[in-house]
Amino acid sequence: MFDVGFSEILVIAVVALVVIGPERLPKVARTMGHLFGRMQRYVNDVKADISREMELEELRKLQTDMQDAAHSLESTVKQEMSETGQALNDVAALPAADPSPGAETAPAPPAAGNAPHAVGNLAGTPTTPPAA
């Protein structure tokens, strides 16, 4: 803050010794030390308060950025869901095509009881399906 060298401090000490006198100089020096310490603490407190306010402002900005990103993601998901729902509704609204009598149809999937592999029961032991 101030650029005070040793020579300047020595000149200030000699002037203080002459002006104040040797009897009161220790008391004045102690008082000046206490005042200087208080000033340093006050400056440090102000710096810490400013630093906290800056960090708080950064956190608020980060919070608003995250909220904006969340709202953007939410709106994108809602839009995609509505587009997908609309596409499904369009497909469901199409008239079902009647197969002609000579056209082949896909075979129906096997029923759950007709599985060709072993099926486990609730106890966890494998059972074989009944022979048809």
Protein backbone atom coordinates (compact mmCIF):
# COMPACT_ATOMS: atom_id res chain seq x y z
CA MET A 1 0.00 0.00 0.00
CA PHE A 2 2.57 2.58 1.12
CA ASP A 3 6.18 2.24 0.11
CA VAL A 4 7.91 3.17 3.35
CA GLY A 5 11.54 2.17 3.68
CA PHE A 6 13.78 1.91 6.72
CA SER A 7 15.17 5.42 6.30
CA GLU A 8 11.67 6.95 6.32
CA ILE A 9 10.74 5.02 9.45
CA LEU A 10 13.94 6.22 11.14
CA VAL A 11 13.15 9.87 10.30
CA ILE A 12 9.58 9.46 11.61
CA ALA A 13 10.91 7.90 14.85
CA VAL A 14 13.38 10.76 15.43
CA VAL A 15 10.71 13.42 14.79
CA ALA A 16 8.28 11.58 17.09
CA LEU A 17 10.95 11.39 19.81
CA VAL A 18 11.59 15.12 19.57
CA VAL A 19 7.91 16.17 19.33
CA ILE A 20 6.34 13.73 21.80
CA GLY A 21 9.22 13.28 24.17
CA PRO A 22 10.83 10.17 25.64
CA GLU A 23 8.29 9.83 28.50
CA ARG A 24 5.14 9.54 26.38
CA LEU A 25 6.67 7.88 23.30
CA PRO A 26 6.13 4.21 24.47
CA LYS A 27 2.46 4.87 25.27
CA VAL A 28 1.89 6.63 21.92
CA ALA A 29 3.70 3.80 20.09
CA ARG A 30 1.47 1.20 21.78
CA THR A 31 -1.65 3.18 20.90
CA MET A 32 -0.49 3.55 17.30
CA GLY A 33 0.20 -0.20 17.16
CA HIS A 34 -3.30 -1.00 18.43
CA LEU A 35 -4.87 1.42 15.93
CA PHE A 36 -2.78 0.00 13.10
CA GLY A 37 -3.82 -3.56 14.08
CA ARG A 38 -7.48 -2.55 14.13
CA MET A 39 -7.12 -0.94 10.73
CA GLN A 40 -5.53 -4.10 9.32
CA ARG A 41 -8.32 -6.28 10.77
CA TYR A 42 -10.94 -3.94 9.34
CA VAL A 43 -9.31 -4.03 5.89
CA ASN A 44 -9.07 -7.83 6.06
CA ASP A 45 -12.75 -8.09 7.07
CA VAL A 46 -13.78 -5.87 4.18
CA LYS A 47 -11.69 -7.97 1.77
CA ALA A 48 -13.26 -11.17 3.12
CA ASP A 49 -16.78 -9.70 2.78
CA ILE A 50 -16.11 -8.65 -0.79
CA SER A 51 -14.68 -12.09 -1.58
CA ARG A 52 -17.75 -13.81 -0.08
CA GLU A 53 -20.09 -11.57 -2.05
CA MET A 54 -18.23 -12.35 -5.27
CA GLU A 55 -18.39 -16.10 -4.57
CA LEU A 56 -22.08 -15.80 -3.71
CA GLU A 57 -22.74 -13.96 -6.96
CA GLU A 58 -20.87 -16.68 -8.88
CA LEU A 59 -22.96 -19.35 -7.14
CA ARG A 60 -26.17 -17.50 -7.99
CA LYS A 61 -25.09 -17.25 -11.61
CA LEU A 62 -24.24 -20.96 -11.64
CA GLN A 63 -27.65 -21.74 -10.11
CA THR A 64 -29.49 -19.76 -12.77
CA ASP A 65 -27.40 -21.42 -15.50
CA MET A 66 -28.28 -24.86 -14.12
CA GLN A 67 -31.97 -23.96 -13.85
CA ASP A 68 -31.96 -22.69 -17.44
CA ALA A 69 -30.30 -25.90 -18.59
CA ALA A 70 -32.83 -28.00 -16.65
CA HIS A 71 -35.76 -26.06 -18.14
CA SER A 72 -34.26 -26.43 -21.62
CA LEU A 73 -33.82 -30.18 -21.13
CA GLU A 74 -37.34 -30.50 -19.75
CA SER A 75 -38.86 -28.64 -22.69
CA THR A 76 -36.83 -30.72 -25.16
CA VAL A 77 -37.99 -33.96 -23.53
CA LYS A 78 -41.62 -32.77 -23.49
CA GLN A 79 -41.40 -31.79 -27.14
CA GLU A 80 -39.90 -35.15 -28.12
CA MET A 81 -42.54 -36.97 -26.06
CA SER A 82 -45.37 -35.06 -27.75
CA GLU A 83 -43.86 -35.68 -31.19
CA THR A 84 -43.50 -39.39 -30.43
CA GLY A 85 -47.04 -39.55 -29.04
CA GLN A 86 -48.37 -37.79 -32.13
CA ALA A 87 -46.50 -40.22 -34.39
CA LEU A 88 -47.93 -43.18 -32.43
CA ASN A 89 -51.44 -41.70 -32.66
CA ASP A 90 -50.97 -41.27 -36.41
CA VAL A 91 -49.87 -44.90 -36.77
CA ALA A 92 -52.76 -46.12 -34.60
CA ALA A 93 -55.23 -44.11 -36.68
CA LEU A 94 -54.20 -45.85 -39.92
CA PRO A 95 -56.86 -48.32 -41.13
CA ALA A 96 -55.95 -51.95 -40.49
CA ALA A 97 -55.15 -53.72 -43.76
CA ASP A 98 -57.26 -56.85 -44.33
CA PRO A 99 -55.10 -59.71 -45.56
CA SER A 100 -56.31 -61.29 -48.78
CA PRO A 101 -57.37 -64.96 -48.60
CA GLY A 102 -54.27 -66.13 -50.50
CA ALA A 103 -51.73 -64.07 -48.53
CA GLU A 104 -49.55 -65.73 -45.97
CA THR A 105 -49.75 -64.54 -42.41
CA ALA A 106 -46.98 -64.63 -39.88
CA PRO A 107 -47.15 -67.55 -37.46
CA ALA A 108 -48.42 -66.71 -33.98
CA PRO A 109 -45.82 -66.71 -31.23
CA PRO A 110 -45.80 -69.85 -29.08
CA ALA A 111 -47.89 -69.77 -25.91
CA ALA A 112 -46.11 -69.59 -22.58
CA GLY A 113 -46.85 -73.22 -21.76
CA ASN A 114 -45.44 -74.54 -25.06
CA ALA A 115 -41.86 -73.30 -24.53
CA PRO A 116 -39.30 -75.82 -25.84
CA HIS A 117 -36.88 -75.21 -22.96
CA ALA A 118 -37.01 -75.94 -19.25
CA VAL A 119 -39.08 -73.56 -17.20
CA GLY A 120 -38.27 -72.82 -13.54
CA ASN A 121 -40.89 -72.79 -10.85
CA LEU A 122 -41.10 -70.38 -7.95
CA ALA A 123 -38.84 -72.56 -5.79
CA GLY A 124 -36.04 -72.16 -8.34
CA THR A 125 -35.84 -75.80 -9.43
CA PRO A 126 -36.09 -76.45 -13.15
CA THR A 127 -39.13 -78.29 -14.41
CA THR A 128 -39.71 -79.71 -17.85
CA PRO A 129 -42.80 -78.82 -19.81
CA PRO A 130 -45.45 -81.51 -20.17
CA ALA A 131 -45.17 -83.64 -23.29
CA ALA A 132 -47.74 -82.83 -25.88
